[in-house]
Every structure is written in C-alpha cells, then in structure tokens.
Amino acid sequence: MREITIHHYIILSSLLFCLGFVGIILRRNLLVVLMCLEVLMNAIILAFVAFARYYNEHDGHVMAMIIMAIAAVEAAIGLGIVVTIFHHRKSIDTNDLKSMKG
C-alpha cells in the first residue's frame, strides 16, 4: 500500500484552489461566489497544515486558525451584504450589481 505524502496534499490543495478560483470567475450567483471563496480558503488551509506537518512546526496550524477566523468573519459579513442586496433588489446576480457603480 502506498503512503500518503506531502505531494498528495499539495495536489489536492492545488485542485481545490483552482476549483474555487474558477467558481469565483465563472459563477454569477453571489452565494455561489461566497462558497467558492470558502473553498479557496480551505485549499490554503490544507496547504498550510500539510507543510506544518511535513516540517514538524506549529506555524502552519496557527496560520490555519487565523484563516478560519477570517473565513468566519467573511461569511458573516458577506451573507449580511447578500441579504441586504436581496432585500433591496430582489436578485443576487452579480451582473445586477454592476449598476451600483457611482
């Protein structure tokens, strides 16, 4: 049986990062864009933890906790903004938000 190495974690992290990035670029629903942003942050967390485990340091775990806190704040603020936009415009399509430019 093959051992799981750091390369497997980095490949998985890269795939998740690309999936999140493509989702942010291609999707028009604001909620889906926020979920893709969460996938992108989880890919970064996975890479930090994999490198921390590989080098037997705790710095990556600390960074992962900081990123999780930032992701929680981003989700709370982002969902508040989405609810406010939906309340006023009855749509959360990102193309509709272009009319908000000043």
PDB file of N, CA and C in Angstrom:
ATOM      1  N   MET A   1       0.843  -1.177   0.000  1.00  0.00           N
ATOM      2  CA  MET A   1       0.000   0.000   0.000  1.00  0.00           C
ATOM      3  C   MET A   1       0.891   1.245   0.000  1.00  0.00           C
ATOM      4  N   ARG A   2       0.521   2.237  -0.787  1.00  0.00           N
ATOM      5  CA  ARG A   2       1.322   3.455  -0.899  1.00  0.00           C
ATOM      6  C   ARG A   2       1.061   4.396   0.263  1.00  0.00           C
ATOM      7  N   GLU A   3       2.100   5.087   0.648  1.00  0.00           N
ATOM      8  CA  GLU A   3       1.994   6.060   1.725  1.00  0.00           C
ATOM      9  C   GLU A   3       1.545   7.406   1.160  1.00  0.00           C
ATOM     10  N   ILE A   4       0.736   8.112   1.915  1.00  0.00           N
ATOM     11  CA  ILE A   4       0.289   9.437   1.508  1.00  0.00           C
ATOM     12  C   ILE A   4       1.383  10.432   1.893  1.00  0.00           C
ATOM     13  N   THR A   5       1.904  11.131   0.909  1.00  0.00           N
ATOM     14  CA  THR A   5       2.993  12.072   1.145  1.00  0.00           C
ATOM     15  C   THR A   5       2.478  13.497   1.052  1.00  0.00           C
ATOM     16  N   ILE A   6       3.383  14.425   1.254  1.00  0.00           N
ATOM     17  CA  ILE A   6       3.013  15.846   1.164  1.00  0.00           C
ATOM     18  C   ILE A   6       2.584  16.208  -0.260  1.00  0.00           C
ATOM     19  N   HIS A   7       3.104  15.487  -1.241  1.00  0.00           N
ATOM     20  CA  HIS A   7       2.743  15.779  -2.632  1.00  0.00           C
ATOM     21  C   HIS A   7       1.249  15.558  -2.873  1.00  0.00           C
ATOM     22  N   HIS A   8       0.699  14.537  -2.246  1.00  0.00           N
ATOM     23  CA  HIS A   8      -0.741  14.290  -2.401  1.00  0.00           C
ATOM     24  C   HIS A   8      -1.562  15.446  -1.830  1.00  0.00           C
ATOM     25  N   TYR A   9      -1.147  15.933  -0.674  1.00  0.00           N
ATOM     26  CA  TYR A   9      -1.862  17.052  -0.065  1.00  0.00           C
ATOM     27  C   TYR A   9      -1.738  18.332  -0.899  1.00  0.00           C
ATOM     28  N   ILE A  10      -0.561  18.566  -1.450  1.00  0.00           N
ATOM     29  CA  ILE A  10      -0.362  19.767  -2.261  1.00  0.00           C
ATOM     30  C   ILE A  10      -1.141  19.676  -3.569  1.00  0.00           C
ATOM     31  N   ILE A  11      -1.204  18.497  -4.150  1.00  0.00           N
ATOM     32  CA  ILE A  11      -2.004  18.329  -5.374  1.00  0.00           C
ATOM     33  C   ILE A  11      -3.486  18.561  -5.071  1.00  0.00           C
ATOM     34  N   LEU A  12      -3.972  17.989  -3.965  1.00  0.00           N
ATOM     35  CA  LEU A  12      -5.369  18.209  -3.574  1.00  0.00           C
ATOM     36  C   LEU A  12      -5.629  19.679  -3.276  1.00  0.00           C
ATOM     37  N   SER A  13      -4.699  20.318  -2.593  1.00  0.00           N
ATOM     38  CA  SER A  13      -4.845  21.739  -2.292  1.00  0.00           C
ATOM     39  C   SER A  13      -4.869  22.568  -3.576  1.00  0.00           C
ATOM     40  N   SER A  14      -4.022  22.232  -4.520  1.00  0.00           N
ATOM     41  CA  SER A  14      -3.993  22.952  -5.804  1.00  0.00           C
ATOM     42  C   SER A  14      -5.289  22.769  -6.574  1.00  0.00           C
ATOM     43  N   LEU A  15      -5.813  21.553  -6.573  1.00  0.00           N
ATOM     44  CA  LEU A  15      -7.080  21.308  -7.269  1.00  0.00           C
ATOM     45  C   LEU A  15      -8.228  22.076  -6.622  1.00  0.00           C
ATOM     46  N   LEU A  16      -8.269  22.089  -5.300  1.00  0.00           N
ATOM     47  CA  LEU A  16      -9.318  22.850  -4.608  1.00  0.00           C
ATOM     48  C   LEU A  16      -9.177  24.348  -4.876  1.00  0.00           C
ATOM     49  N   PHE A  17      -7.941  24.832  -4.887  1.00  0.00           N
ATOM     50  CA  PHE A  17      -7.715  26.250  -5.164  1.00  0.00           C
ATOM     51  C   PHE A  17      -8.182  26.608  -6.571  1.00  0.00           C
ATOM     52  N   CYS A  18      -7.833  25.776  -7.548  1.00  0.00           N
ATOM     53  CA  CYS A  18      -8.265  26.033  -8.930  1.00  0.00           C
ATOM     54  C   CYS A  18      -9.783  25.960  -9.064  1.00  0.00           C
ATOM     55  N   LEU A  19     -10.399  24.997  -8.381  1.00  0.00           N
ATOM     56  CA  LEU A  19     -11.853  24.873  -8.417  1.00  0.00           C
ATOM     57  C   LEU A  19     -12.527  26.111  -7.834  1.00  0.00           C
ATOM     58  N   GLY A  20     -12.019  26.587  -6.709  1.00  0.00           N
ATOM     59  CA  GLY A  20     -12.573  27.796  -6.104  1.00  0.00           C
ATOM     60  C   GLY A  20     -12.365  29.022  -6.970  1.00  0.00           C
ATOM     61  N   PHE A  21     -11.181  29.134  -7.557  1.00  0.00           N
ATOM     62  CA  PHE A  21     -10.883  30.290  -8.407  1.00  0.00           C
ATOM     63  C   PHE A  21     -11.751  30.307  -9.656  1.00  0.00           C
ATOM     64  N   VAL A  22     -11.908  29.152 -10.286  1.00  0.00           N
ATOM     65  CA  VAL A  22     -12.764  29.068 -11.476  1.00  0.00           C
ATOM     66  C   VAL A  22     -14.218  29.367 -11.104  1.00  0.00           C
ATOM     67  N   GLY A  23     -14.655  28.899  -9.941  1.00  0.00           N
ATOM     68  CA  GLY A  23     -16.014  29.189  -9.492  1.00  0.00           C
ATOM     69  C   GLY A  23     -16.243  30.669  -9.270  1.00  0.00           C
ATOM     70  N   ILE A  24     -15.240  31.356  -8.707  1.00  0.00           N
ATOM     71  CA  ILE A  24     -15.369  32.807  -8.495  1.00  0.00           C
ATOM     72  C   ILE A  24     -15.444  33.533  -9.833  1.00  0.00           C
ATOM     73  N   ILE A  25     -14.653  33.096 -10.790  1.00  0.00           N
ATOM     74  CA  ILE A  25     -14.611  33.769 -12.093  1.00  0.00           C
ATOM     75  C   ILE A  25     -15.886  33.510 -12.902  1.00  0.00           C
ATOM     76  N   LEU A  26     -16.394  32.284 -12.898  1.00  0.00           N
ATOM     77  CA  LEU A  26     -17.460  31.918 -13.827  1.00  0.00           C
ATOM     78  C   LEU A  26     -18.878  32.088 -13.285  1.00  0.00           C
ATOM     79  N   ARG A  27     -19.072  31.985 -11.994  1.00  0.00           N
ATOM     80  CA  ARG A  27     -20.429  31.988 -11.460  1.00  0.00           C
ATOM     81  C   ARG A  27     -20.969  33.406 -11.315  1.00  0.00           C
ATOM     82  N   ARG A  28     -22.301  33.523 -11.430  1.00  0.00           N
ATOM     83  CA  ARG A  28     -22.932  34.833 -11.312  1.00  0.00           C
ATOM     84  C   ARG A  28     -23.753  34.981 -10.044  1.00  0.00           C
ATOM     85  N   ASN A  29     -24.082  33.888  -9.391  1.00  0.00           N
ATOM     86  CA  ASN A  29     -24.847  33.952  -8.157  1.00  0.00           C
ATOM     87  C   ASN A  29     -23.899  34.321  -7.018  1.00  0.00           C
ATOM     88  N   LEU A  30     -24.251  35.340  -6.269  1.00  0.00           N
ATOM     89  CA  LEU A  30     -23.375  35.852  -5.220  1.00  0.00           C
ATOM     90  C   LEU A  30     -23.152  34.829  -4.105  1.00  0.00           C
ATOM     91  N   LEU A  31     -24.145  34.023  -3.782  1.00  0.00           N
ATOM     92  CA  LEU A  31     -23.968  32.993  -2.757  1.00  0.00           C
ATOM     93  C   LEU A  31     -22.977  31.922  -3.212  1.00  0.00           C
ATOM     94  N   VAL A  32     -23.042  31.545  -4.474  1.00  0.00           N
ATOM     95  CA  VAL A  32     -22.107  30.546  -5.004  1.00  0.00           C
ATOM     96  C   VAL A  32     -20.689  31.119  -5.031  1.00  0.00           C
ATOM     97  N   VAL A  33     -20.560  32.390  -5.332  1.00  0.00           N
ATOM     98  CA  VAL A  33     -19.241  33.035  -5.310  1.00  0.00           C
ATOM     99  C   VAL A  33     -18.674  33.012  -3.893  1.00  0.00           C
ATOM    100  N   LEU A  34     -19.497  33.269  -2.890  1.00  0.00           N
ATOM    101  CA  LEU A  34     -19.034  33.207  -1.497  1.00  0.00           C
ATOM    102  C   LEU A  34     -18.625  31.784  -1.108  1.00  0.00           C
ATOM    103  N   MET A  35     -19.371  30.779  -1.571  1.00  0.00           N
ATOM    104  CA  MET A  35     -18.995  29.396  -1.285  1.00  0.00           C
ATOM    105  C   MET A  35     -17.685  29.020  -1.968  1.00  0.00           C
ATOM    106  N   CYS A  36     -17.478  29.508  -3.183  1.00  0.00           N
ATOM    107  CA  CYS A  36     -16.216  29.247  -3.882  1.00  0.00           C
ATOM    108  C   CYS A  36     -15.049  29.929  -3.172  1.00  0.00           C
ATOM    109  N   LEU A  37     -15.303  31.076  -2.599  1.00  0.00           N
ATOM    110  CA  LEU A  37     -14.270  31.753  -1.815  1.00  0.00           C
ATOM    111  C   LEU A  37     -13.911  30.933  -0.576  1.00  0.00           C
ATOM    112  N   GLU A  38     -14.894  30.296   0.025  1.00  0.00           N
ATOM    113  CA  GLU A  38     -14.636  29.421   1.169  1.00  0.00           C
ATOM    114  C   GLU A  38     -13.812  28.198   0.742  1.00  0.00           C
ATOM    115  N   VAL A  39     -14.108  27.629  -0.415  1.00  0.00           N
ATOM    116  CA  VAL A  39     -13.313  26.503  -0.922  1.00  0.00           C
ATOM    117  C   VAL A  39     -11.876  26.941  -1.170  1.00  0.00           C
ATOM    118  N   LEU A  40     -11.693  28.133  -1.696  1.00  0.00           N
ATOM    119  CA  LEU A  40     -10.361  28.681  -1.932  1.00  0.00           C
ATOM    120  C   LEU A  40      -9.593  28.821  -0.613  1.00  0.00           C
ATOM    121  N   MET A  41     -10.249  29.329   0.416  1.00  0.00           N
ATOM    122  CA  MET A  41      -9.588  29.467   1.722  1.00  0.00           C
ATOM    123  C   MET A  41      -9.279  28.109   2.343  1.00  0.00           C
ATOM    124  N   ASN A  42     -10.151  27.132   2.149  1.00  0.00           N
ATOM    125  CA  ASN A  42      -9.887  25.797   2.672  1.00  0.00           C
ATOM    126  C   ASN A  42      -8.695  25.151   1.972  1.00  0.00           C
ATOM    127  N   ALA A  43      -8.505  25.444   0.703  1.00  0.00           N
ATOM    128  CA  ALA A  43      -7.327  24.942  -0.008  1.00  0.00           C
ATOM    129  C   ALA A  43      -6.053  25.526   0.585  1.00  0.00           C
ATOM    130  N   ILE A  44      -6.094  26.792   0.915  1.00  0.00           N
ATOM    131  CA  ILE A  44      -4.932  27.440   1.534  1.00  0.00           C
ATOM    132  C   ILE A  44      -4.664  26.839   2.916  1.00  0.00           C
ATOM    133  N   ILE A  45      -5.712  26.593   3.676  1.00  0.00           N
ATOM    134  CA  ILE A  45      -5.560  25.976   4.996  1.00  0.00           C
ATOM    135  C   ILE A  45      -4.941  24.591   4.871  1.00  0.00           C
ATOM    136  N   LEU A  46      -5.395  23.809   3.901  1.00  0.00           N
ATOM    137  CA  LEU A  46      -4.850  22.473   3.702  1.00  0.00           C
ATOM    138  C   LEU A  46      -3.358  22.522   3.390  1.00  0.00           C
ATOM    139  N   ALA A  47      -2.952  23.467   2.568  1.00  0.00           N
ATOM    140  CA  ALA A  47      -1.531  23.599   2.241  1.00  0.00           C
ATOM    141  C   ALA A  47      -0.714  23.996   3.471  1.00  0.00           C
ATOM    142  N   PHE A  48      -1.219  24.934   4.255  1.00  0.00           N
ATOM    143  CA  PHE A  48      -0.503  25.343   5.475  1.00  0.00           C
ATOM    144  C   PHE A  48      -0.341  24.173   6.438  1.00  0.00           C
ATOM    145  N   VAL A  49      -1.403  23.417   6.656  1.00  0.00           N
ATOM    146  CA  VAL A  49      -1.342  22.298   7.596  1.00  0.00           C
ATOM    147  C   VAL A  49      -0.440  21.188   7.065  1.00  0.00           C
ATOM    148  N   ALA A  50      -0.477  20.947   5.761  1.00  0.00           N
ATOM    149  CA  ALA A  50       0.391  19.912   5.182  1.00  0.00           C
ATOM    150  C   ALA A  50       1.863  20.273   5.353  1.00  0.00           C
ATOM    151  N   PHE A  51       2.212  21.522   5.090  1.00  0.00           N
ATOM    152  CA  PHE A  51       3.604  21.927   5.264  1.00  0.00           C
ATOM    153  C   PHE A  51       4.002  21.944   6.745  1.00  0.00           C
ATOM    154  N   ALA A  52       3.080  22.323   7.618  1.00  0.00           N
ATOM    155  CA  ALA A  52       3.377  22.310   9.051  1.00  0.00           C
ATOM    156  C   ALA A  52       3.635  20.884   9.530  1.00  0.00           C
ATOM    157  N   ARG A  53       2.856  19.953   9.046  1.00  0.00           N
ATOM    158  CA  ARG A  53       3.051  18.550   9.415  1.00  0.00           C
ATOM    159  C   ARG A  53       4.366  18.006   8.865  1.00  0.00           C
ATOM    160  N   TYR A  54       4.676  18.404   7.639  1.00  0.00           N
ATOM    161  CA  TYR A  54       5.890  17.902   6.988  1.00  0.00           C
ATOM    162  C   TYR A  54       7.145  18.405   7.700  1.00  0.00           C
ATOM    163  N   TYR A  55       7.156  19.667   8.067  1.00  0.00           N
ATOM    164  CA  TYR A  55       8.328  20.250   8.723  1.00  0.00           C
ATOM    165  C   TYR A  55       8.265  20.167  10.248  1.00  0.00           C
ATOM    166  N   ASN A  56       7.205  19.573  10.792  1.00  0.00           N
ATOM    167  CA  ASN A  56       7.027  19.388  12.230  1.00  0.00           C
ATOM    168  C   ASN A  56       7.109  20.717  12.992  1.00  0.00           C
ATOM    169  N   GLU A  57       6.417  21.712  12.465  1.00  0.00           N
ATOM    170  CA  GLU A  57       6.328  23.037  13.078  1.00  0.00           C
ATOM    171  C   GLU A  57       4.867  23.343  13.371  1.00  0.00           C
ATOM    172  N   HIS A  58       4.636  24.311  14.225  1.00  0.00           N
ATOM    173  CA  HIS A  58       3.267  24.694  14.582  1.00  0.00           C
ATOM    174  C   HIS A  58       2.810  25.966  13.890  1.00  0.00           C
ATOM    175  N   ASP A  59       3.670  26.585  13.130  1.00  0.00           N
ATOM    176  CA  ASP A  59       3.325  27.845  12.473  1.00  0.00           C
ATOM    177  C   ASP A  59       2.165  27.676  11.491  1.00  0.00           C
ATOM    178  N   GLY A  60       2.155  26.587  10.750  1.00  0.00           N
ATOM    179  CA  GLY A  60       1.085  26.354   9.782  1.00  0.00           C
ATOM    180  C   GLY A  60      -0.261  26.169  10.441  1.00  0.00           C
ATOM    181  N   HIS A  61      -0.262  25.536  11.610  1.00  0.00           N
ATOM    182  CA  HIS A  61      -1.519  25.346  12.338  1.00  0.00           C
ATOM    183  C   HIS A  61      -2.048  26.680  12.857  1.00  0.00           C
ATOM    184  N   VAL A  62      -1.145  27.528  13.298  1.00  0.00           N
ATOM    185  CA  VAL A  62      -1.560  28.860  13.768  1.00  0.00           C
ATOM    186  C   VAL A  62      -2.144  29.662  12.609  1.00  0.00           C
ATOM    187  N   MET A  63      -1.487  29.619  11.456  1.00  0.00           N
ATOM    188  CA  MET A  63      -1.999  30.331  10.277  1.00  0.00           C
ATOM    189  C   MET A  63      -3.356  29.765   9.847  1.00  0.00           C
ATOM    190  N   ALA A  64      -3.527  28.453   9.973  1.00  0.00           N
ATOM    191  CA  ALA A  64      -4.805  27.832   9.613  1.00  0.00           C
ATOM    192  C   ALA A  64      -5.921  28.347  10.518  1.00  0.00           C
ATOM    193  N   MET A  65      -5.627  28.486  11.797  1.00  0.00           N
ATOM    194  CA  MET A  65      -6.642  29.009  12.721  1.00  0.00           C
ATOM    195  C   MET A  65      -6.975  30.465  12.410  1.00  0.00           C
ATOM    196  N   ILE A  66      -5.969  31.246  12.056  1.00  0.00           N
ATOM    197  CA  ILE A  66      -6.206  32.647  11.693  1.00  0.00           C
ATOM    198  C   ILE A  66      -7.059  32.728  10.429  1.00  0.00           C
ATOM    199  N   ILE A  67      -6.748  31.896   9.439  1.00  0.00           N
ATOM    200  CA  ILE A  67      -7.519  31.904   8.192  1.00  0.00           C
ATOM    201  C   ILE A  67      -8.955  31.449   8.447  1.00  0.00           C
ATOM    202  N   MET A  68      -9.152  30.473   9.335  1.00  0.00           N
ATOM    203  CA  MET A  68     -10.519  30.048   9.666  1.00  0.00           C
ATOM    204  C   MET A  68     -11.307  31.170  10.332  1.00  0.00           C
ATOM    205  N   ALA A  69     -10.644  31.943  11.180  1.00  0.00           N
ATOM    206  CA  ALA A  69     -11.322  33.080  11.810  1.00  0.00           C
ATOM    207  C   ALA A  69     -11.689  34.132  10.763  1.00  0.00           C
ATOM    208  N   ILE A  70     -10.771  34.401   9.854  1.00  0.00           N
ATOM    209  CA  ILE A  70     -11.050  35.355   8.782  1.00  0.00           C
ATOM    210  C   ILE A  70     -12.186  34.855   7.896  1.00  0.00           C
ATOM    211  N   ALA A  71     -12.214  33.552   7.612  1.00  0.00           N
ATOM    212  CA  ALA A  71     -13.283  32.985   6.782  1.00  0.00           C
ATOM    213  C   ALA A  71     -14.643  33.095   7.468  1.00  0.00           C
ATOM    214  N   ALA A  72     -14.663  32.920   8.790  1.00  0.00           N
ATOM    215  CA  ALA A  72     -15.930  33.044   9.516  1.00  0.00           C
ATOM    216  C   ALA A  72     -16.437  34.477   9.476  1.00  0.00           C
ATOM    217  N   VAL A  73     -15.531  35.425   9.659  1.00  0.00           N
ATOM    218  CA  VAL A  73     -15.928  36.838   9.600  1.00  0.00           C
ATOM    219  C   VAL A  73     -16.386  37.198   8.193  1.00  0.00           C
ATOM    220  N   GLU A  74     -15.662  36.705   7.193  1.00  0.00           N
ATOM    221  CA  GLU A  74     -16.033  36.978   5.801  1.00  0.00           C
ATOM    222  C   GLU A  74     -17.402  36.412   5.484  1.00  0.00           C
ATOM    223  N   ALA A  75     -17.706  35.223   5.975  1.00  0.00           N
ATOM    224  CA  ALA A  75     -19.011  34.612   5.719  1.00  0.00           C
ATOM    225  C   ALA A  75     -20.128  35.414   6.384  1.00  0.00           C
ATOM    226  N   ALA A  76     -19.909  35.841   7.613  1.00  0.00           N
ATOM    227  CA  ALA A  76     -20.944  36.600   8.317  1.00  0.00           C
ATOM    228  C   ALA A  76     -21.210  37.944   7.640  1.00  0.00           C
ATOM    229  N   ILE A  77     -20.150  38.668   7.319  1.00  0.00           N
ATOM    230  CA  ILE A  77     -20.318  39.974   6.671  1.00  0.00           C
ATOM    231  C   ILE A  77     -20.858  39.811   5.255  1.00  0.00           C
ATOM    232  N   GLY A  78     -20.325  38.821   4.536  1.00  0.00           N
ATOM    233  CA  GLY A  78     -20.781  38.578   3.164  1.00  0.00           C
ATOM    234  C   GLY A  78     -22.247  38.206   3.099  1.00  0.00           C
ATOM    235  N   LEU A  79     -22.691  37.340   3.994  1.00  0.00           N
ATOM    236  CA  LEU A  79     -24.104  36.961   3.990  1.00  0.00           C
ATOM    237  C   LEU A  79     -25.000  38.127   4.394  1.00  0.00           C
ATOM    238  N   GLY A  80     -24.517  38.975   5.296  1.00  0.00           N
ATOM    239  CA  GLY A  80     -25.277  40.185   5.641  1.00  0.00           C
ATOM    240  C   GLY A  80     -25.436  41.106   4.443  1.00  0.00           C
ATOM    241  N   ILE A  81     -24.370  41.264   3.679  1.00  0.00           N
ATOM    242  CA  ILE A  81     -24.438  42.094   2.468  1.00  0.00           C
ATOM    243  C   ILE A  81     -25.372  41.472   1.435  1.00  0.00           C
ATOM    244  N   VAL A  82     -25.304  40.141   1.275  1.00  0.00           N
ATOM    245  CA  VAL A  82     -26.166  39.456   0.307  1.00  0.00           C
ATOM    246  C   VAL A  82     -27.633  39.619   0.694  1.00  0.00           C
ATOM    247  N   VAL A  83     -27.963  39.473   1.972  1.00  0.00           N
ATOM    248  CA  VAL A  83     -29.350  39.629   2.425  1.00  0.00           C
ATOM    249  C   VAL A  83     -29.834  41.058   2.172  1.00  0.00           C
ATOM    250  N   THR A  84     -28.981  42.056   2.439  1.00  0.00           N
ATOM    251  CA  THR A  84     -29.359  43.450   2.198  1.00  0.00           C
ATOM    252  C   THR A  84     -29.570  43.714   0.710  1.00  0.00           C
ATOM    253  N   ILE A  85     -28.683  43.199  -0.124  1.00  0.00           N
ATOM    254  CA  ILE A  85     -28.837  43.386  -1.576  1.00  0.00           C
ATOM    255  C   ILE A  85     -30.109  42.704  -2.057  1.00  0.00           C
ATOM    256  N   PHE A  86     -30.379  41.492  -1.579  1.00  0.00           N
ATOM    257  CA  PHE A  86     -31.598  40.798  -1.998  1.00  0.00           C
ATOM    258  C   PHE A  86     -32.846  41.532  -1.527  1.00  0.00           C
ATOM    259  N   HIS A  87     -32.774  42.103  -0.343  1.00  0.00           N
ATOM    260  CA  HIS A  87     -33.925  42.838   0.192  1.00  0.00           C
ATOM    261  C   HIS A  87     -34.248  44.055  -0.676  1.00  0.00           C
ATOM    262  N   HIS A  88     -33.236  44.745  -1.173  1.00  0.00           N
ATOM    263  CA  HIS A  88     -33.458  45.948  -1.973  1.00  0.00           C
ATOM    264  C   HIS A  88     -33.681  45.658  -3.454  1.00  0.00           C
ATOM    265  N   ARG A  89     -33.001  44.666  -4.013  1.00  0.00           N
ATOM    266  CA  ARG A  89     -33.049  44.436  -5.458  1.00  0.00           C
ATOM    267  C   ARG A  89     -33.820  43.188  -5.870  1.00  0.00           C
ATOM    268  N   LYS A  90     -34.132  42.300  -4.959  1.00  0.00           N
ATOM    269  CA  LYS A  90     -34.826  41.031  -5.230  1.00  0.00           C
ATOM    270  C   LYS A  90     -34.029  40.130  -6.168  1.00  0.00           C
ATOM    271  N   SER A  91     -32.713  40.288  -6.191  1.00  0.00           N
ATOM    272  CA  SER A  91     -31.839  39.459  -7.010  1.00  0.00           C
ATOM    273  C   SER A  91     -30.437  39.481  -6.395  1.00  0.00           C
ATOM    274  N   ILE A  92     -29.719  38.361  -6.532  1.00  0.00           N
ATOM    275  CA  ILE A  92     -28.330  38.328  -6.064  1.00  0.00           C
ATOM    276  C   ILE A  92     -27.397  37.969  -7.214  1.00  0.00           C
ATOM    277  N   ASP A  93     -27.809  38.303  -8.420  1.00  0.00           N
ATOM    278  CA  ASP A  93     -26.977  38.089  -9.598  1.00  0.00           C
ATOM    279  C   ASP A  93     -25.886  39.157  -9.629  1.00  0.00           C
ATOM    280  N   THR A  94     -24.641  38.742  -9.868  1.00  0.00           N
ATOM    281  CA  THR A  94     -23.531  39.697  -9.850  1.00  0.00           C
ATOM    282  C   THR A  94     -23.611  40.687 -11.011  1.00  0.00           C
ATOM    283  N   ASN A  95     -24.283  40.332 -12.079  1.00  0.00           N
ATOM    284  CA  ASN A  95     -24.433  41.274 -13.187  1.00  0.00           C
ATOM    285  C   ASN A  95     -25.329  42.456 -12.794  1.00  0.00           C
ATOM    286  N   ASP A  96     -26.273  42.228 -11.895  1.00  0.00           N
ATOM    287  CA  ASP A  96     -27.141  43.305 -11.429  1.00  0.00           C
ATOM    288  C   ASP A  96     -26.387  44.288 -10.545  1.00  0.00           C
ATOM    289  N   LEU A  97     -25.291  43.869  -9.936  1.00  0.00           N
ATOM    290  CA  LEU A  97     -24.528  44.731  -9.045  1.00  0.00           C
ATOM    291  C   LEU A  97     -23.679  45.746  -9.793  1.00  0.00           C
ATOM    292  N   LYS A  98     -23.495  45.538 -11.090  1.00  0.00           N
ATOM    293  CA  LYS A  98     -22.700  46.494 -11.872  1.00  0.00           C
ATOM    294  C   LYS A  98     -23.372  47.853 -11.959  1.00  0.00           C
ATOM    295  N   SER A  99     -24.682  47.888 -11.762  1.00  0.00           N
ATOM    296  CA  SER A  99     -25.396  49.174 -11.834  1.00  0.00           C
ATOM    297  C   SER A  99     -25.172  49.996 -10.567  1.00  0.00           C
ATOM    298  N   MET A 100     -24.494  49.430  -9.558  1.00  0.00           N
ATOM    299  CA  MET A 100     -24.250  50.158  -8.316  1.00  0.00           C
ATOM    300  C   MET A 100     -23.019  51.075  -8.426  1.00  0.00           C
ATOM    301  N   LYS A 101     -22.312  51.006  -9.558  1.00  0.00           N
ATOM    302  CA  LYS A 101     -21.140  51.867  -9.725  1.00  0.00           C
ATOM    303  C   LYS A 101     -21.551  53.321  -9.721  1.00  0.00           C
ATOM    304  N   GLY A 102     -20.701  54.172  -9.135  1.00  0.00           N
ATOM    305  CA  GLY A 102     -21.037  55.577  -8.989  1.00  0.00           C
ATOM    306  C   GLY A 102     -20.683  56.446 -10.108  1.00  0.00           C
TER     307      GLY A 102
END
